[in-house]
């Protein structure tokens, strides 16, 4: 997917917030095993704690630092 702002290729990954901060994680990485800690190479999106897990495919632009969820 191309970034709508800079037209560079975006990296595919997913949004996740099990017991960690909401973060974008590359497809080849897994969430951290430690609660309240962001994954190595993950991009933290908030600091809120939640008891529910959530995962959605999303793309990240390293140039513009934006995350866009995949359209359904």
PDB file of N, CA and C in Angstrom:
ATOM      1  N   UNK A   1       0.856  -1.171   0.000  1.00  0.00           N
ATOM      2  CA  UNK A   1       0.000   0.000   0.000  1.00  0.00           C
ATOM      3  C   UNK A   1       0.902   1.234   0.000  1.00  0.00           C
ATOM      4  N   UNK A   2       0.541   2.220  -0.796  1.00  0.00           N
ATOM      5  CA  UNK A   2       1.298   3.476  -0.873  1.00  0.00           C
ATOM      6  C   UNK A   2       0.761   4.469   0.158  1.00  0.00           C
ATOM      7  N   UNK A   3       1.668   5.212   0.776  1.00  0.00           N
ATOM      8  CA  UNK A   3       1.283   6.245   1.739  1.00  0.00           C
ATOM      9  C   UNK A   3       0.541   7.358   0.993  1.00  0.00           C
ATOM     10  N   UNK A   4      -0.615   7.785   1.490  1.00  0.00           N
ATOM     11  CA  UNK A   4      -1.359   8.845   0.812  1.00  0.00           C
ATOM     12  C   UNK A   4      -0.700  10.227   0.926  1.00  0.00           C
ATOM     13  N   UNK A   5       0.299  10.366   1.787  1.00  0.00           N
ATOM     14  CA  UNK A   5       0.966  11.655   1.981  1.00  0.00           C
ATOM     15  C   UNK A   5       2.267  11.785   1.200  1.00  0.00           C
ATOM     16  N   UNK A   6       3.107  10.731   1.222  1.00  0.00           N
ATOM     17  CA  UNK A   6       4.416  10.824   0.569  1.00  0.00           C
ATOM     18  C   UNK A   6       4.574   9.862  -0.611  1.00  0.00           C
ATOM     19  N   UNK A   7       3.615   8.971  -0.808  1.00  0.00           N
ATOM     20  CA  UNK A   7       3.589   7.986  -1.904  1.00  0.00           C
ATOM     21  C   UNK A   7       4.641   6.894  -1.787  1.00  0.00           C
ATOM     22  N   UNK A   8       5.331   6.793  -0.652  1.00  0.00           N
ATOM     23  CA  UNK A   8       6.275   5.687  -0.442  1.00  0.00           C
ATOM     24  C   UNK A   8       5.506   4.451   0.005  1.00  0.00           C
ATOM     25  N   UNK A   9       6.142   3.283  -0.171  1.00  0.00           N
ATOM     26  CA  UNK A   9       5.519   2.027   0.227  1.00  0.00           C
ATOM     27  C   UNK A   9       5.420   1.954   1.746  1.00  0.00           C
ATOM     28  N   UNK A  10       4.249   1.547   2.240  1.00  0.00           N
ATOM     29  CA  UNK A  10       4.034   1.416   3.683  1.00  0.00           C
ATOM     30  C   UNK A  10       4.304  -0.025   4.099  1.00  0.00           C
ATOM     31  N   UNK A  11       4.729  -0.215   5.346  1.00  0.00           N
ATOM     32  CA  UNK A  11       5.013  -1.545   5.870  1.00  0.00           C
ATOM     33  C   UNK A  11       3.742  -2.147   6.464  1.00  0.00           C
ATOM     34  N   UNK A  12       3.466  -3.405   6.098  1.00  0.00           N
ATOM     35  CA  UNK A  12       2.265  -4.083   6.585  1.00  0.00           C
ATOM     36  C   UNK A  12       2.527  -4.676   7.967  1.00  0.00           C
ATOM     37  N   UNK A  13       1.557  -4.540   8.836  1.00  0.00           N
ATOM     38  CA  UNK A  13       1.644  -5.092  10.184  1.00  0.00           C
ATOM     39  C   UNK A  13       0.251  -5.163  10.762  1.00  0.00           C
ATOM     40  N   UNK A  14       0.144  -4.958  12.076  1.00  0.00           N
ATOM     41  CA  UNK A  14      -1.168  -5.004  12.714  1.00  0.00           C
ATOM     42  C   UNK A  14      -1.195  -4.134  13.962  1.00  0.00           C
ATOM     43  N   UNK A  15      -2.413  -3.709  14.322  1.00  0.00           N
ATOM     44  CA  UNK A  15      -2.635  -2.973  15.566  1.00  0.00           C
ATOM     45  C   UNK A  15      -2.960  -3.990  16.643  1.00  0.00           C
ATOM     46  N   UNK A  16      -2.403  -3.799  17.832  1.00  0.00           N
ATOM     47  CA  UNK A  16      -2.596  -4.762  18.914  1.00  0.00           C
ATOM     48  C   UNK A  16      -2.628  -4.042  20.248  1.00  0.00           C
ATOM     49  N   UNK A  17      -3.494  -4.484  21.151  1.00  0.00           N
ATOM     50  CA  UNK A  17      -3.466  -3.956  22.518  1.00  0.00           C
ATOM     51  C   UNK A  17      -3.988  -4.996  23.500  1.00  0.00           C
ATOM     52  N   UNK A  18      -3.261  -6.060  23.670  1.00  0.00           N
ATOM     53  CA  UNK A  18      -3.638  -7.050  24.672  1.00  0.00           C
ATOM     54  C   UNK A  18      -3.486  -6.409  26.040  1.00  0.00           C
ATOM     55  N   UNK A  19      -2.426  -6.693  26.719  1.00  0.00           N
ATOM     56  CA  UNK A  19      -2.125  -6.076  28.016  1.00  0.00           C
ATOM     57  C   UNK A  19      -1.003  -5.065  27.882  1.00  0.00           C
ATOM     58  N   UNK A  20      -0.629  -4.728  26.639  1.00  0.00           N
ATOM     59  CA  UNK A  20       0.396  -3.732  26.375  1.00  0.00           C
ATOM     60  C   UNK A  20      -0.269  -2.450  25.893  1.00  0.00           C
ATOM     61  N   UNK A  21       0.521  -1.372  25.744  1.00  0.00           N
ATOM     62  CA  UNK A  21      -0.022  -0.153  25.135  1.00  0.00           C
ATOM     63  C   UNK A  21      -0.494  -0.471  23.712  1.00  0.00           C
ATOM     64  N   UNK A  22      -1.490   0.261  23.209  1.00  0.00           N
ATOM     65  CA  UNK A  22      -1.898   0.077  21.817  1.00  0.00           C
ATOM     66  C   UNK A  22      -0.680   0.386  20.963  1.00  0.00           C
ATOM     67  N   UNK A  23      -0.384  -0.480  20.007  1.00  0.00           N
ATOM     68  CA  UNK A  23       0.817  -0.312  19.202  1.00  0.00           C
ATOM     69  C   UNK A  23       0.648  -0.954  17.841  1.00  0.00           C
ATOM     70  N   UNK A  24       1.410  -0.454  16.872  1.00  0.00           N
ATOM     71  CA  UNK A  24       1.502  -1.075  15.565  1.00  0.00           C
ATOM     72  C   UNK A  24       2.709  -1.985  15.619  1.00  0.00           C
ATOM     73  N   UNK A  25       2.550  -3.236  15.131  1.00  0.00           N
ATOM     74  CA  UNK A  25       3.624  -4.223  15.170  1.00  0.00           C
ATOM     75  C   UNK A  25       3.826  -4.769  13.759  1.00  0.00           C
ATOM     76  N   UNK A  26       5.076  -4.880  13.277  1.00  0.00           N
ATOM     77  CA  UNK A  26       5.318  -5.473  11.958  1.00  0.00           C
ATOM     78  C   UNK A  26       4.808  -6.919  11.924  1.00  0.00           C
ATOM     79  N   UNK A  27       4.400  -7.394  10.742  1.00  0.00           N
ATOM     80  CA  UNK A  27       3.845  -8.749  10.608  1.00  0.00           C
ATOM     81  C   UNK A  27       4.776  -9.842  11.113  1.00  0.00           C
ATOM     82  N   UNK A  28       6.091  -9.654  11.015  1.00  0.00           N
ATOM     83  CA  UNK A  28       7.022 -10.708  11.419  1.00  0.00           C
ATOM     84  C   UNK A  28       7.384 -10.650  12.908  1.00  0.00           C
ATOM     85  N   UNK A  29       6.731  -9.791  13.679  1.00  0.00           N
ATOM     86  CA  UNK A  29       6.990  -9.668  15.120  1.00  0.00           C
ATOM     87  C   UNK A  29       5.759 -10.081  15.912  1.00  0.00           C
ATOM     88  N   UNK A  30       5.980 -10.511  17.160  1.00  0.00           N
ATOM     89  CA  UNK A  30       4.892 -10.872  18.063  1.00  0.00           C
ATOM     90  C   UNK A  30       4.831  -9.865  19.202  1.00  0.00           C
ATOM     91  N   UNK A  31       3.658  -9.714  19.844  1.00  0.00           N
ATOM     92  CA  UNK A  31       3.565  -8.820  20.997  1.00  0.00           C
ATOM     93  C   UNK A  31       4.518  -9.257  22.111  1.00  0.00           C
ATOM     94  N   UNK A  32       4.929  -8.322  22.944  1.00  0.00           N
ATOM     95  CA  UNK A  32       5.795  -8.606  24.074  1.00  0.00           C
ATOM     96  C   UNK A  32       5.116  -9.572  25.040  1.00  0.00           C
ATOM     97  N   UNK A  33       5.900 -10.402  25.687  1.00  0.00           N
ATOM     98  CA  UNK A  33       5.379 -11.314  26.705  1.00  0.00           C
ATOM     99  C   UNK A  33       5.160 -10.605  28.036  1.00  0.00           C
ATOM    100  N   UNK A  34       5.650  -9.386  28.153  1.00  0.00           N
ATOM    101  CA  UNK A  34       5.558  -8.643  29.402  1.00  0.00           C
ATOM    102  C   UNK A  34       4.428  -7.627  29.345  1.00  0.00           C
ATOM    103  N   UNK A  35       3.550  -7.656  30.325  1.00  0.00           N
ATOM    104  CA  UNK A  35       2.443  -6.709  30.377  1.00  0.00           C
ATOM    105  C   UNK A  35       2.983  -5.282  30.519  1.00  0.00           C
ATOM    106  N   UNK A  36       2.266  -4.336  29.964  1.00  0.00           N
ATOM    107  CA  UNK A  36       2.576  -2.901  30.031  1.00  0.00           C
ATOM    108  C   UNK A  36       3.829  -2.498  29.261  1.00  0.00           C
ATOM    109  N   UNK A  37       4.370  -3.371  28.417  1.00  0.00           N
ATOM    110  CA  UNK A  37       5.592  -3.058  27.674  1.00  0.00           C
ATOM    111  C   UNK A  37       5.319  -3.138  26.179  1.00  0.00           C
ATOM    112  N   UNK A  38       5.797  -2.175  25.426  1.00  0.00           N
ATOM    113  CA  UNK A  38       5.667  -2.205  23.971  1.00  0.00           C
ATOM    114  C   UNK A  38       6.620  -3.261  23.400  1.00  0.00           C
ATOM    115  N   UNK A  39       6.261  -3.818  22.267  1.00  0.00           N
ATOM    116  CA  UNK A  39       7.067  -4.806  21.571  1.00  0.00           C
ATOM    117  C   UNK A  39       8.294  -4.140  20.952  1.00  0.00           C
ATOM    118  N   UNK A  40       9.429  -4.851  20.918  1.00  0.00           N
ATOM    119  CA  UNK A  40      10.590  -4.333  20.198  1.00  0.00           C
ATOM    120  C   UNK A  40      10.171  -4.124  18.747  1.00  0.00           C
ATOM    121  N   UNK A  41      10.513  -3.013  18.152  1.00  0.00           N
ATOM    122  CA  UNK A  41      10.143  -2.611  16.795  1.00  0.00           C
ATOM    123  C   UNK A  41       8.683  -2.204  16.667  1.00  0.00           C
ATOM    124  N   UNK A  42       7.915  -2.271  17.732  1.00  0.00           N
ATOM    125  CA  UNK A  42       6.531  -1.805  17.690  1.00  0.00           C
ATOM    126  C   UNK A  42       6.498  -0.287  17.790  1.00  0.00           C
ATOM    127  N   UNK A  43       5.418   0.314  17.323  1.00  0.00           N
ATOM    128  CA  UNK A  43       5.238   1.762  17.393  1.00  0.00           C
ATOM    129  C   UNK A  43       4.079   2.023  18.342  1.00  0.00           C
ATOM    130  N   UNK A  44       4.391   2.502  19.559  1.00  0.00           N
ATOM    131  CA  UNK A  44       3.376   2.713  20.587  1.00  0.00           C
ATOM    132  C   UNK A  44       2.448   3.853  20.193  1.00  0.00           C
ATOM    133  N   UNK A  45       1.124   3.612  20.318  1.00  0.00           N
ATOM    134  CA  UNK A  45       0.141   4.601  19.917  1.00  0.00           C
ATOM    135  C   UNK A  45      -0.579   5.252  21.088  1.00  0.00           C
ATOM    136  N   UNK A  46      -0.519   4.655  22.282  1.00  0.00           N
ATOM    137  CA  UNK A  46      -1.125   5.282  23.464  1.00  0.00           C
ATOM    138  C   UNK A  46      -0.520   4.689  24.727  1.00  0.00           C
ATOM    139  N   UNK A  47      -0.920   5.191  25.878  1.00  0.00           N
ATOM    140  CA  UNK A  47      -0.428   4.706  27.157  1.00  0.00           C
ATOM    141  C   UNK A  47      -1.531   4.097  28.010  1.00  0.00           C
ATOM    142  N   UNK A  48      -2.733   3.940  27.470  1.00  0.00           N
ATOM    143  CA  UNK A  48      -3.851   3.409  28.239  1.00  0.00           C
ATOM    144  C   UNK A  48      -3.756   1.902  28.409  1.00  0.00           C
ATOM    145  N   UNK A  49      -4.153   1.421  29.580  1.00  0.00           N
ATOM    146  CA  UNK A  49      -4.214  -0.003  29.846  1.00  0.00           C
ATOM    147  C   UNK A  49      -5.621  -0.494  29.571  1.00  0.00           C
ATOM    148  N   UNK A  50      -5.749  -1.658  28.965  1.00  0.00           N
ATOM    149  CA  UNK A  50      -7.065  -2.235  28.706  1.00  0.00           C
ATOM    150  C   UNK A  50      -7.046  -3.718  29.053  1.00  0.00           C
ATOM    151  N   UNK A  51      -8.161  -4.242  29.489  1.00  0.00           N
ATOM    152  CA  UNK A  51      -8.269  -5.666  29.826  1.00  0.00           C
ATOM    153  C   UNK A  51      -8.670  -6.498  28.603  1.00  0.00           C
ATOM    154  N   UNK A  52      -9.030  -5.868  27.521  1.00  0.00           N
ATOM    155  CA  UNK A  52      -9.466  -6.577  26.327  1.00  0.00           C
ATOM    156  C   UNK A  52      -8.389  -6.530  25.253  1.00  0.00           C
ATOM    157  N   UNK A  53      -8.273  -7.594  24.520  1.00  0.00           N
ATOM    158  CA  UNK A  53      -7.325  -7.621  23.413  1.00  0.00           C
ATOM    159  C   UNK A  53      -7.973  -7.131  22.128  1.00  0.00           C
ATOM    160  N   UNK A  54      -7.169  -6.656  21.208  1.00  0.00           N
ATOM    161  CA  UNK A  54      -7.666  -6.184  19.929  1.00  0.00           C
ATOM    162  C   UNK A  54      -6.541  -6.301  18.918  1.00  0.00           C
ATOM    163  N   UNK A  55      -6.888  -6.729  17.703  1.00  0.00           N
ATOM    164  CA  UNK A  55      -5.883  -6.829  16.653  1.00  0.00           C
ATOM    165  C   UNK A  55      -6.552  -6.492  15.326  1.00  0.00           C
ATOM    166  N   UNK A  56      -5.915  -5.662  14.517  1.00  0.00           N
ATOM    167  CA  UNK A  56      -6.433  -5.301  13.197  1.00  0.00           C
ATOM    168  C   UNK A  56      -5.258  -5.047  12.265  1.00  0.00           C
ATOM    169  N   UNK A  57      -5.343  -5.520  11.018  1.00  0.00           N
ATOM    170  CA  UNK A  57      -4.288  -5.289  10.043  1.00  0.00           C
ATOM    171  C   UNK A  57      -4.181  -3.796   9.762  1.00  0.00           C
ATOM    172  N   UNK A  58      -2.948  -3.303   9.680  1.00  0.00           N
ATOM    173  CA  UNK A  58      -2.724  -1.875   9.450  1.00  0.00           C
ATOM    174  C   UNK A  58      -1.373  -1.672   8.782  1.00  0.00           C
ATOM    175  N   UNK A  59      -1.199  -0.516   8.169  1.00  0.00           N
ATOM    176  CA  UNK A  59       0.044  -0.165   7.484  1.00  0.00           C
ATOM    177  C   UNK A  59       0.675   1.036   8.159  1.00  0.00           C
ATOM    178  N   UNK A  60       2.029   1.045   8.189  1.00  0.00           N
ATOM    179  CA  UNK A  60       2.783   2.112   8.858  1.00  0.00           C
ATOM    180  C   UNK A  60       3.752   2.737   7.870  1.00  0.00           C
ATOM    181  N   UNK A  61       3.773   4.068   7.800  1.00  0.00           N
ATOM    182  CA  UNK A  61       4.731   4.795   6.966  1.00  0.00           C
ATOM    183  C   UNK A  61       5.850   5.301   7.871  1.00  0.00           C
ATOM    184  N   UNK A  62       7.067   4.799   7.646  1.00  0.00           N
ATOM    185  CA  UNK A  62       8.214   5.209   8.458  1.00  0.00           C
ATOM    186  C   UNK A  62       8.601   6.670   8.202  1.00  0.00           C
ATOM    187  N   UNK A  63       8.290   7.185   7.026  1.00  0.00           N
ATOM    188  CA  UNK A  63       8.613   8.565   6.695  1.00  0.00           C
ATOM    189  C   UNK A  63       7.665   9.545   7.369  1.00  0.00           C
ATOM    190  N   UNK A  64       6.364   9.298   7.255  1.00  0.00           N
ATOM    191  CA  UNK A  64       5.352  10.214   7.776  1.00  0.00           C
ATOM    192  C   UNK A  64       4.914   9.878   9.201  1.00  0.00           C
ATOM    193  N   UNK A  65       5.266   8.695   9.695  1.00  0.00           N
ATOM    194  CA  UNK A  65       4.879   8.228  11.033  1.00  0.00           C
ATOM    195  C   UNK A  65       3.362   8.189  11.189  1.00  0.00           C
ATOM    196  N   UNK A  66       2.689   7.614  10.186  1.00  0.00           N
ATOM    197  CA  UNK A  66       1.249   7.447  10.272  1.00  0.00           C
ATOM    198  C   UNK A  66       0.897   5.969  10.180  1.00  0.00           C
ATOM    199  N   UNK A  67      -0.207   5.600  10.797  1.00  0.00           N
ATOM    200  CA  UNK A  67      -0.739   4.242  10.737  1.00  0.00           C
ATOM    201  C   UNK A  67      -2.116   4.325  10.098  1.00  0.00           C
ATOM    202  N   UNK A  68      -2.353   3.464   9.113  1.00  0.00           N
ATOM    203  CA  UNK A  68      -3.648   3.408   8.432  1.00  0.00           C
ATOM    204  C   UNK A  68      -4.135   1.980   8.501  1.00  0.00           C
ATOM    205  N   UNK A  69      -5.350   1.783   9.018  1.00  0.00           N
ATOM    206  CA  UNK A  69      -5.889   0.429   9.069  1.00  0.00           C
ATOM    207  C   UNK A  69      -6.334   0.012   7.668  1.00  0.00           C
ATOM    208  N   UNK A  70      -6.273  -1.293   7.436  1.00  0.00           N
ATOM    209  CA  UNK A  70      -6.652  -1.830   6.140  1.00  0.00           C
ATOM    210  C   UNK A  70      -8.155  -1.699   5.949  1.00  0.00           C
ATOM    211  N   UNK A  71      -8.590  -1.182   4.798  1.00  0.00           N
ATOM    212  CA  UNK A  71     -10.028  -1.100   4.541  1.00  0.00           C
ATOM    213  C   UNK A  71     -10.630  -2.487   4.442  1.00  0.00           C
ATOM    214  N   UNK A  72     -11.855  -2.642   4.937  1.00  0.00           N
ATOM    215  CA  UNK A  72     -12.512  -3.954   4.878  1.00  0.00           C
ATOM    216  C   UNK A  72     -13.384  -4.048   3.658  1.00  0.00           C
TER     217      UNK A  72
END
